[in-house]
PDB file of N, CA and C in Angstrom:
ATOM      1  N   MET A   1     -33.437   5.810  66.387  1.00  0.00           N
ATOM      2  CA  MET A   1     -32.541   6.921  66.586  1.00  0.00           C
ATOM      3  C   MET A   1     -31.791   6.710  67.891  1.00  0.00           C
ATOM      4  N   THR A   2     -30.520   6.966  67.905  1.00  0.00           N
ATOM      5  CA  THR A   2     -29.714   6.783  69.098  1.00  0.00           C
ATOM      6  C   THR A   2     -29.668   8.056  69.915  1.00  0.00           C
ATOM      7  N   ALA A   3     -29.478   7.888  71.223  1.00  0.00           N
ATOM      8  CA  ALA A   3     -29.365   9.039  72.122  1.00  0.00           C
ATOM      9  C   ALA A   3     -27.947   9.583  72.075  1.00  0.00           C
ATOM     10  N   LYS A   4     -27.775  10.816  72.600  1.00  0.00           N
ATOM     11  CA  LYS A   4     -26.440  11.414  72.660  1.00  0.00           C
ATOM     12  C   LYS A   4     -25.574  10.554  73.568  1.00  0.00           C
ATOM     13  N   MET A   5     -24.362  10.285  73.117  1.00  0.00           N
ATOM     14  CA  MET A   5     -23.464   9.400  73.847  1.00  0.00           C
ATOM     15  C   MET A   5     -22.942  10.092  75.101  1.00  0.00           C
ATOM     16  N   PRO A   6     -23.105   9.450  76.275  1.00  0.00           N
ATOM     17  CA  PRO A   6     -22.583  10.023  77.516  1.00  0.00           C
ATOM     18  C   PRO A   6     -21.065   9.878  77.579  1.00  0.00           C
ATOM     19  N   SER A   7     -20.461  10.539  78.553  1.00  0.00           N
ATOM     20  CA  SER A   7     -19.003  10.446  78.729  1.00  0.00           C
ATOM     21  C   SER A   7     -18.633   9.049  79.213  1.00  0.00           C
ATOM     22  N   ALA A   8     -17.345   8.732  79.124  1.00  0.00           N
ATOM     23  CA  ALA A   8     -16.865   7.416  79.540  1.00  0.00           C
ATOM     24  C   ALA A   8     -17.168   7.150  81.012  1.00  0.00           C
ATOM     25  N   SER A   9     -16.995   8.142  81.848  1.00  0.00           N
ATOM     26  CA  SER A   9     -17.268   7.947  83.276  1.00  0.00           C
ATOM     27  C   SER A   9     -18.769   7.754  83.511  1.00  0.00           C
ATOM     28  N   ASP A  10     -19.604   8.457  82.740  1.00  0.00           N
ATOM     29  CA  ASP A  10     -21.048   8.256  82.842  1.00  0.00           C
ATOM     30  C   ASP A  10     -21.422   6.841  82.409  1.00  0.00           C
ATOM     31  N   ILE A  11     -20.783   6.352  81.351  1.00  0.00           N
ATOM     32  CA  ILE A  11     -21.045   4.989  80.874  1.00  0.00           C
ATOM     33  C   ILE A  11     -20.670   3.983  81.955  1.00  0.00           C
ATOM     34  N   ASP A  12     -19.496   4.138  82.550  1.00  0.00           N
ATOM     35  CA  ASP A  12     -19.080   3.228  83.624  1.00  0.00           C
ATOM     36  C   ASP A  12     -20.107   3.194  84.746  1.00  0.00           C
ATOM     37  N   ARG A  13     -20.544   4.367  85.153  1.00  0.00           N
ATOM     38  CA  ARG A  13     -21.524   4.458  86.239  1.00  0.00           C
ATOM     39  C   ARG A  13     -22.838   3.794  85.838  1.00  0.00           C
ATOM     40  N   MET A  14     -23.293   4.069  84.611  1.00  0.00           N
ATOM     41  CA  MET A  14     -24.561   3.523  84.141  1.00  0.00           C
ATOM     42  C   MET A  14     -24.510   2.000  84.057  1.00  0.00           C
ATOM     43  N   VAL A  15     -23.407   1.473  83.563  1.00  0.00           N
ATOM     44  CA  VAL A  15     -23.254   0.019  83.474  1.00  0.00           C
ATOM     45  C   VAL A  15     -23.256  -0.582  84.872  1.00  0.00           C
ATOM     46  N   ASP A  16     -22.516   0.025  85.789  1.00  0.00           N
ATOM     47  CA  ASP A  16     -22.471  -0.459  87.170  1.00  0.00           C
ATOM     48  C   ASP A  16     -23.856  -0.455  87.817  1.00  0.00           C
ATOM     49  N   GLU A  17     -24.671   0.526  87.445  1.00  0.00           N
ATOM     50  CA  GLU A  17     -26.015   0.644  88.009  1.00  0.00           C
ATOM     51  C   GLU A  17     -27.044  -0.209  87.267  1.00  0.00           C
ATOM     52  N   GLY A  18     -26.611  -0.862  86.200  1.00  0.00           N
ATOM     53  CA  GLY A  18     -27.517  -1.727  85.448  1.00  0.00           C
ATOM     54  C   GLY A  18     -28.469  -0.989  84.536  1.00  0.00           C
ATOM     55  N   VAL A  19     -28.097   0.216  84.125  1.00  0.00           N
ATOM     56  CA  VAL A  19     -28.939   1.008  83.232  1.00  0.00           C
ATOM     57  C   VAL A  19     -28.968   0.350  81.845  1.00  0.00           C
ATOM     58  N   ASP A  20     -30.147   0.330  81.228  1.00  0.00           N
ATOM     59  CA  ASP A  20     -30.298  -0.194  79.868  1.00  0.00           C
ATOM     60  C   ASP A  20     -29.535   0.707  78.907  1.00  0.00           C
ATOM     61  N   MET A  21     -28.536   0.145  78.233  1.00  0.00           N
ATOM     62  CA  MET A  21     -27.692   0.926  77.321  1.00  0.00           C
ATOM     63  C   MET A  21     -28.197   0.881  75.876  1.00  0.00           C
ATOM     64  N   THR A  22     -29.304   0.197  75.643  1.00  0.00           N
ATOM     65  CA  THR A  22     -29.836   0.051  74.292  1.00  0.00           C
ATOM     66  C   THR A  22     -30.041   1.374  73.555  1.00  0.00           C
ATOM     67  N   PRO A  23     -30.536   2.425  74.215  1.00  0.00           N
ATOM     68  CA  PRO A  23     -30.734   3.683  73.471  1.00  0.00           C
ATOM     69  C   PRO A  23     -29.440   4.285  72.919  1.00  0.00           C
ATOM     70  N   TYR A  24     -28.308   3.837  73.407  1.00  0.00           N
ATOM     71  CA  TYR A  24     -27.028   4.390  72.984  1.00  0.00           C
ATOM     72  C   TYR A  24     -26.342   3.540  71.910  1.00  0.00           C
ATOM     73  N   ILE A  25     -27.014   2.489  71.469  1.00  0.00           N
ATOM     74  CA  ILE A  25     -26.426   1.586  70.475  1.00  0.00           C
ATOM     75  C   ILE A  25     -26.961   1.934  69.095  1.00  0.00           C
ATOM     76  N   ASP A  26     -26.063   2.126  68.146  1.00  0.00           N
ATOM     77  CA  ASP A  26     -26.448   2.354  66.752  1.00  0.00           C
ATOM     78  C   ASP A  26     -26.624   0.992  66.097  1.00  0.00           C
ATOM     79  N   MET A  27     -27.866   0.499  66.064  1.00  0.00           N
ATOM     80  CA  MET A  27     -28.152  -0.842  65.565  1.00  0.00           C
ATOM     81  C   MET A  27     -27.792  -1.010  64.090  1.00  0.00           C
ATOM     82  N   SER A  28     -27.767   0.086  63.339  1.00  0.00           N
ATOM     83  CA  SER A  28     -27.452  -0.021  61.914  1.00  0.00           C
ATOM     84  C   SER A  28     -25.987  -0.370  61.679  1.00  0.00           C
ATOM     85  N   SER A  29     -25.156  -0.184  62.698  1.00  0.00           N
ATOM     86  CA  SER A  29     -23.735  -0.467  62.529  1.00  0.00           C
ATOM     87  C   SER A  29     -23.351  -1.865  62.983  1.00  0.00           C
ATOM     88  N   ILE A  30     -24.315  -2.621  63.514  1.00  0.00           N
ATOM     89  CA  ILE A  30     -24.020  -3.964  64.010  1.00  0.00           C
ATOM     90  C   ILE A  30     -23.983  -4.927  62.841  1.00  0.00           C
ATOM     91  N   GLU A  31     -22.892  -5.670  62.734  1.00  0.00           N
ATOM     92  CA  GLU A  31     -22.752  -6.663  61.678  1.00  0.00           C
ATOM     93  C   GLU A  31     -23.208  -8.007  62.210  1.00  0.00           C
ATOM     94  N   GLN A  32     -23.872  -8.775  61.368  1.00  0.00           N
ATOM     95  CA  GLN A  32     -24.321 -10.107  61.722  1.00  0.00           C
ATOM     96  C   GLN A  32     -23.786 -11.085  60.693  1.00  0.00           C
ATOM     97  N   PRO A  33     -22.573 -11.582  60.913  1.00  0.00           N
ATOM     98  CA  PRO A  33     -21.984 -12.510  59.943  1.00  0.00           C
ATOM     99  C   PRO A  33     -22.869 -13.727  59.715  1.00  0.00           C
ATOM    100  N   GLY A  34     -22.971 -14.120  58.476  1.00  0.00           N
ATOM    101  CA  GLY A  34     -23.753 -15.296  58.126  1.00  0.00           C
ATOM    102  C   GLY A  34     -25.250 -15.064  58.125  1.00  0.00           C
ATOM    103  N   ARG A  35     -25.687 -13.831  58.233  1.00  0.00           N
ATOM    104  CA  ARG A  35     -27.116 -13.531  58.294  1.00  0.00           C
ATOM    105  C   ARG A  35     -27.617 -12.856  57.011  1.00  0.00           C
ATOM    106  N   ASN A  36     -26.809 -12.860  55.955  1.00  0.00           N
ATOM    107  CA  ASN A  36     -27.270 -12.299  54.681  1.00  0.00           C
ATOM    108  C   ASN A  36     -28.356 -13.199  54.128  1.00  0.00           C
ATOM    109  N   GLN A  37     -29.372 -12.598  53.556  1.00  0.00           N
ATOM    110  CA  GLN A  37     -30.472 -13.388  53.023  1.00  0.00           C
ATOM    111  C   GLN A  37     -30.347 -13.553  51.521  1.00  0.00           C
ATOM    112  N   ARG A  38     -30.782 -14.718  51.055  1.00  0.00           N
ATOM    113  CA  ARG A  38     -30.869 -15.008  49.626  1.00  0.00           C
ATOM    114  C   ARG A  38     -32.246 -15.571  49.353  1.00  0.00           C
ATOM    115  N   ARG A  39     -32.778 -15.253  48.211  1.00  0.00           N
ATOM    116  CA  ARG A  39     -34.096 -15.766  47.820  1.00  0.00           C
ATOM    117  C   ARG A  39     -33.946 -17.178  47.284  1.00  0.00           C
ATOM    118  N   VAL A  40     -34.876 -18.048  47.698  1.00  0.00           N
ATOM    119  CA  VAL A  40     -34.893 -19.439  47.259  1.00  0.00           C
ATOM    120  C   VAL A  40     -36.294 -19.748  46.747  1.00  0.00           C
ATOM    121  N   GLY A  41     -36.377 -20.338  45.594  1.00  0.00           N
ATOM    122  CA  GLY A  41     -37.676 -20.744  45.054  1.00  0.00           C
ATOM    123  C   GLY A  41     -37.913 -22.216  45.331  1.00  0.00           C
ATOM    124  N   ILE A  42     -39.164 -22.568  45.596  1.00  0.00           N
ATOM    125  CA  ILE A  42     -39.494 -23.971  45.846  1.00  0.00           C
ATOM    126  C   ILE A  42     -40.852 -24.265  45.227  1.00  0.00           C
ATOM    127  N   ASP A  43     -40.930 -25.372  44.517  1.00  0.00           N
ATOM    128  CA  ASP A  43     -42.198 -25.817  43.948  1.00  0.00           C
ATOM    129  C   ASP A  43     -42.769 -26.896  44.854  1.00  0.00           C
ATOM    130  N   MET A  44     -44.083 -26.822  45.097  1.00  0.00           N
ATOM    131  CA  MET A  44     -44.730 -27.864  45.896  1.00  0.00           C
ATOM    132  C   MET A  44     -46.170 -28.023  45.453  1.00  0.00           C
ATOM    133  N   VAL A  45     -46.722 -29.163  45.811  1.00  0.00           N
ATOM    134  CA  VAL A  45     -48.090 -29.469  45.401  1.00  0.00           C
ATOM    135  C   VAL A  45     -49.074 -28.580  46.161  1.00  0.00           C
ATOM    136  N   GLU A  46     -50.240 -28.363  45.552  1.00  0.00           N
ATOM    137  CA  GLU A  46     -51.259 -27.486  46.133  1.00  0.00           C
ATOM    138  C   GLU A  46     -51.674 -27.913  47.532  1.00  0.00           C
ATOM    139  N   THR A  47     -51.786 -29.232  47.745  1.00  0.00           N
ATOM    140  CA  THR A  47     -52.231 -29.686  49.072  1.00  0.00           C
ATOM    141  C   THR A  47     -51.231 -29.307  50.152  1.00  0.00           C
ATOM    142  N   MET A  48     -49.957 -29.340  49.833  1.00  0.00           N
ATOM    143  CA  MET A  48     -48.944 -28.957  50.812  1.00  0.00           C
ATOM    144  C   MET A  48     -49.041 -27.461  51.111  1.00  0.00           C
ATOM    145  N   ILE A  49     -49.268 -26.670  50.091  1.00  0.00           N
ATOM    146  CA  ILE A  49     -49.415 -25.231  50.287  1.00  0.00           C
ATOM    147  C   ILE A  49     -50.638 -24.935  51.147  1.00  0.00           C
ATOM    148  N   SER A  50     -51.728 -25.643  50.874  1.00  0.00           N
ATOM    149  CA  SER A  50     -52.940 -25.452  51.673  1.00  0.00           C
ATOM    150  C   SER A  50     -52.698 -25.809  53.135  1.00  0.00           C
ATOM    151  N   ARG A  51     -51.987 -26.896  53.369  1.00  0.00           N
ATOM    152  CA  ARG A  51     -51.682 -27.291  54.749  1.00  0.00           C
ATOM    153  C   ARG A  51     -50.794 -26.260  55.422  1.00  0.00           C
ATOM    154  N   LEU A  52     -49.806 -25.748  54.693  1.00  0.00           N
ATOM    155  CA  LEU A  52     -48.950 -24.705  55.254  1.00  0.00           C
ATOM    156  C   LEU A  52     -49.767 -23.467  55.601  1.00  0.00           C
ATOM    157  N   ASP A  53     -50.665 -23.079  54.702  1.00  0.00           N
ATOM    158  CA  ASP A  53     -51.509 -21.911  54.953  1.00  0.00           C
ATOM    159  C   ASP A  53     -52.397 -22.123  56.179  1.00  0.00           C
ATOM    160  N   PHE A  54     -52.911 -23.334  56.341  1.00  0.00           N
ATOM    161  CA  PHE A  54     -53.740 -23.650  57.495  1.00  0.00           C
ATOM    162  C   PHE A  54     -52.949 -23.451  58.790  1.00  0.00           C
ATOM    163  N   TYR A  55     -51.752 -24.030  58.863  1.00  0.00           N
ATOM    164  CA  TYR A  55     -50.952 -23.916  60.082  1.00  0.00           C
ATOM    165  C   TYR A  55     -50.446 -22.483  60.292  1.00  0.00           C
ATOM    166  N   ALA A  56     -50.114 -21.813  59.218  1.00  0.00           N
ATOM    167  CA  ALA A  56     -49.678 -20.416  59.345  1.00  0.00           C
ATOM    168  C   ALA A  56     -50.798 -19.579  59.965  1.00  0.00           C
ATOM    169  N   ALA A  57     -52.029 -19.795  59.513  1.00  0.00           N
ATOM    170  CA  ALA A  57     -53.168 -19.062  60.073  1.00  0.00           C
ATOM    171  C   ALA A  57     -53.381 -19.431  61.541  1.00  0.00           C
ATOM    172  N   GLN A  58     -53.209 -20.714  61.863  1.00  0.00           N
ATOM    173  CA  GLN A  58     -53.365 -21.158  63.251  1.00  0.00           C
ATOM    174  C   GLN A  58     -52.374 -20.465  64.177  1.00  0.00           C
ATOM    175  N   TYR A  59     -51.147 -20.291  63.695  1.00  0.00           N
ATOM    176  CA  TYR A  59     -50.093 -19.680  64.506  1.00  0.00           C
ATOM    177  C   TYR A  59     -50.028 -18.156  64.347  1.00  0.00           C
ATOM    178  N   GLY A  60     -50.809 -17.620  63.423  1.00  0.00           N
ATOM    179  CA  GLY A  60     -50.836 -16.178  63.227  1.00  0.00           C
ATOM    180  C   GLY A  60     -49.581 -15.617  62.592  1.00  0.00           C
ATOM    181  N   VAL A  61     -48.985 -16.399  61.686  1.00  0.00           N
ATOM    182  CA  VAL A  61     -47.779 -15.958  60.982  1.00  0.00           C
ATOM    183  C   VAL A  61     -47.991 -16.142  59.487  1.00  0.00           C
ATOM    184  N   THR A  62     -47.079 -15.623  58.696  1.00  0.00           N
ATOM    185  CA  THR A  62     -47.165 -15.825  57.245  1.00  0.00           C
ATOM    186  C   THR A  62     -46.662 -17.214  56.883  1.00  0.00           C
ATOM    187  N   ARG A  63     -47.026 -17.662  55.704  1.00  0.00           N
ATOM    188  CA  ARG A  63     -46.536 -18.955  55.212  1.00  0.00           C
ATOM    189  C   ARG A  63     -45.013 -18.967  55.190  1.00  0.00           C
ATOM    190  N   GLN A  64     -44.416 -17.893  54.695  1.00  0.00           N
ATOM    191  CA  GLN A  64     -42.957 -17.833  54.607  1.00  0.00           C
ATOM    192  C   GLN A  64     -42.314 -17.923  55.990  1.00  0.00           C
ATOM    193  N   SER A  65     -42.875 -17.216  56.952  1.00  0.00           N
ATOM    194  CA  SER A  65     -42.328 -17.262  58.310  1.00  0.00           C
ATOM    195  C   SER A  65     -42.414 -18.665  58.889  1.00  0.00           C
ATOM    196  N   LEU A  66     -43.557 -19.317  58.671  1.00  0.00           N
ATOM    197  CA  LEU A  66     -43.730 -20.681  59.172  1.00  0.00           C
ATOM    198  C   LEU A  66     -42.727 -21.625  58.523  1.00  0.00           C
ATOM    199  N   MET A  67     -42.541 -21.499  57.217  1.00  0.00           N
ATOM    200  CA  MET A  67     -41.597 -22.364  56.513  1.00  0.00           C
ATOM    201  C   MET A  67     -40.175 -22.152  57.033  1.00  0.00           C
ATOM    202  N   LYS A  68     -39.781 -20.900  57.239  1.00  0.00           N
ATOM    203  CA  LYS A  68     -38.434 -20.626  57.749  1.00  0.00           C
ATOM    204  C   LYS A  68     -38.265 -21.186  59.158  1.00  0.00           C
ATOM    205  N   LEU A  69     -39.289 -21.013  59.975  1.00  0.00           N
ATOM    206  CA  LEU A  69     -39.233 -21.523  61.342  1.00  0.00           C
ATOM    207  C   LEU A  69     -39.104 -23.040  61.351  1.00  0.00           C
ATOM    208  N   TRP A  70     -39.979 -23.718  60.613  1.00  0.00           N
ATOM    209  CA  TRP A  70     -39.954 -25.176  60.598  1.00  0.00           C
ATOM    210  C   TRP A  70     -38.684 -25.717  59.959  1.00  0.00           C
ATOM    211  N   LEU A  71     -38.221 -25.088  58.910  1.00  0.00           N
ATOM    212  CA  LEU A  71     -36.990 -25.543  58.278  1.00  0.00           C
ATOM    213  C   LEU A  71     -35.802 -25.345  59.219  1.00  0.00           C
ATOM    214  N   GLY A  72     -35.775 -24.222  59.913  1.00  0.00           N
ATOM    215  CA  GLY A  72     -34.717 -23.977  60.890  1.00  0.00           C
ATOM    216  C   GLY A  72     -34.723 -25.004  62.005  1.00  0.00           C
ATOM    217  N   GLU A  73     -35.929 -25.353  62.493  1.00  0.00           N
ATOM    218  CA  GLU A  73     -36.029 -26.371  63.540  1.00  0.00           C
ATOM    219  C   GLU A  73     -35.509 -27.715  63.045  1.00  0.00           C
ATOM    220  N   ARG A  74     -35.867 -28.064  61.820  1.00  0.00           N
ATOM    221  CA  ARG A  74     -35.422 -29.348  61.274  1.00  0.00           C
ATOM    222  C   ARG A  74     -33.911 -29.371  61.079  1.00  0.00           C
ATOM    223  N   LEU A  75     -33.343 -28.267  60.613  1.00  0.00           N
ATOM    224  CA  LEU A  75     -31.893 -28.203  60.459  1.00  0.00           C
ATOM    225  C   LEU A  75     -31.200 -28.343  61.812  1.00  0.00           C
ATOM    226  N   ASP A  76     -31.755 -27.730  62.856  1.00  0.00           N
ATOM    227  CA  ASP A  76     -31.199 -27.883  64.204  1.00  0.00           C
ATOM    228  C   ASP A  76     -31.267 -29.339  64.655  1.00  0.00           C
ATOM    229  N   GLN A  77     -32.383 -30.020  64.367  1.00  0.00           N
ATOM    230  CA  GLN A  77     -32.515 -31.438  64.714  1.00  0.00           C
ATOM    231  C   GLN A  77     -31.464 -32.274  64.000  1.00  0.00           C
ATOM    232  N   GLU A  78     -31.251 -31.994  62.735  1.00  0.00           N
ATOM    233  CA  GLU A  78     -30.258 -32.748  61.963  1.00  0.00           C
ATOM    234  C   GLU A  78     -28.847 -32.484  62.484  1.00  0.00           C
ATOM    235  N   ASP A  79     -28.557 -31.221  62.838  1.00  0.00           N
ATOM    236  CA  ASP A  79     -27.253 -30.905  63.421  1.00  0.00           C
ATOM    237  C   ASP A  79     -27.046 -31.680  64.720  1.00  0.00           C
ATOM    238  N   ASP A  80     -28.075 -31.704  65.573  1.00  0.00           N
ATOM    239  CA  ASP A  80     -27.992 -32.445  66.838  1.00  0.00           C
ATOM    240  C   ASP A  80     -27.774 -33.926  66.591  1.00  0.00           C
ATOM    241  N   ARG A  81     -28.502 -34.476  65.627  1.00  0.00           N
ATOM    242  CA  ARG A  81     -28.366 -35.903  65.294  1.00  0.00           C
ATOM    243  C   ARG A  81     -26.945 -36.209  64.832  1.00  0.00           C
ATOM    244  N   ARG A  82     -26.394 -35.345  64.012  1.00  0.00           N
ATOM    245  CA  ARG A  82     -25.021 -35.567  63.530  1.00  0.00           C
ATOM    246  C   ARG A  82     -24.023 -35.492  64.668  1.00  0.00           C
ATOM    247  N   LEU A  83     -24.212 -34.539  65.584  1.00  0.00           N
ATOM    248  CA  LEU A  83     -23.298 -34.413  66.722  1.00  0.00           C
ATOM    249  C   LEU A  83     -23.360 -35.651  67.609  1.00  0.00           C
ATOM    250  N   ARG A  84     -24.581 -36.163  67.847  1.00  0.00           N
ATOM    251  CA  ARG A  84     -24.726 -37.361  68.689  1.00  0.00           C
ATOM    252  C   ARG A  84     -24.107 -38.572  68.034  1.00  0.00           C
ATOM    253  N   SER A  85     -24.163 -38.641  66.709  1.00  0.00           N
ATOM    254  CA  SER A  85     -23.624 -39.819  66.011  1.00  0.00           C
ATOM    255  C   SER A  85     -22.124 -39.719  65.781  1.00  0.00           C
ATOM    256  N   GLY A  86     -21.548 -38.562  66.096  1.00  0.00           N
ATOM    257  CA  GLY A  86     -20.114 -38.377  65.922  1.00  0.00           C
ATOM    258  C   GLY A  86     -19.703 -37.972  64.525  1.00  0.00           C
ATOM    259  N   LYS A  87     -20.660 -37.704  63.663  1.00  0.00           N
ATOM    260  CA  LYS A  87     -20.377 -37.290  62.274  1.00  0.00           C
ATOM    261  C   LYS A  87     -20.313 -35.776  62.228  1.00  0.00           C
ATOM    262  N   LEU A  88     -19.192 -35.216  62.592  1.00  0.00           N
ATOM    263  CA  LEU A  88     -19.051 -33.766  62.674  1.00  0.00           C
ATOM    264  C   LEU A  88     -18.746 -33.100  61.358  1.00  0.00           C
ATOM    265  N   ALA A  89     -18.186 -33.837  60.414  1.00  0.00           N
ATOM    266  CA  ALA A  89     -17.783 -33.237  59.136  1.00  0.00           C
ATOM    267  C   ALA A  89     -18.910 -33.202  58.155  1.00  0.00           C
TER     268      ALA A  89
END
């Protein structure tokens, strides 16, 4: 829930004083381009699933969270590799 919006002069003063403005932000109105989610199915062997479950438990996250994290890291590595090699397209 957002707080009542202060006047413009109050906002200026608060920003100048370094006041946290988060309570005044309506987070539901913030757009995040490119952040829409789509469901993806993947088939894998039982041993791979067991290994994923083992590491997910070690890190205290769900299997899905671990997979998204690791896949994101790998995609970042591949992007970096492409940039270093000059293959931007």
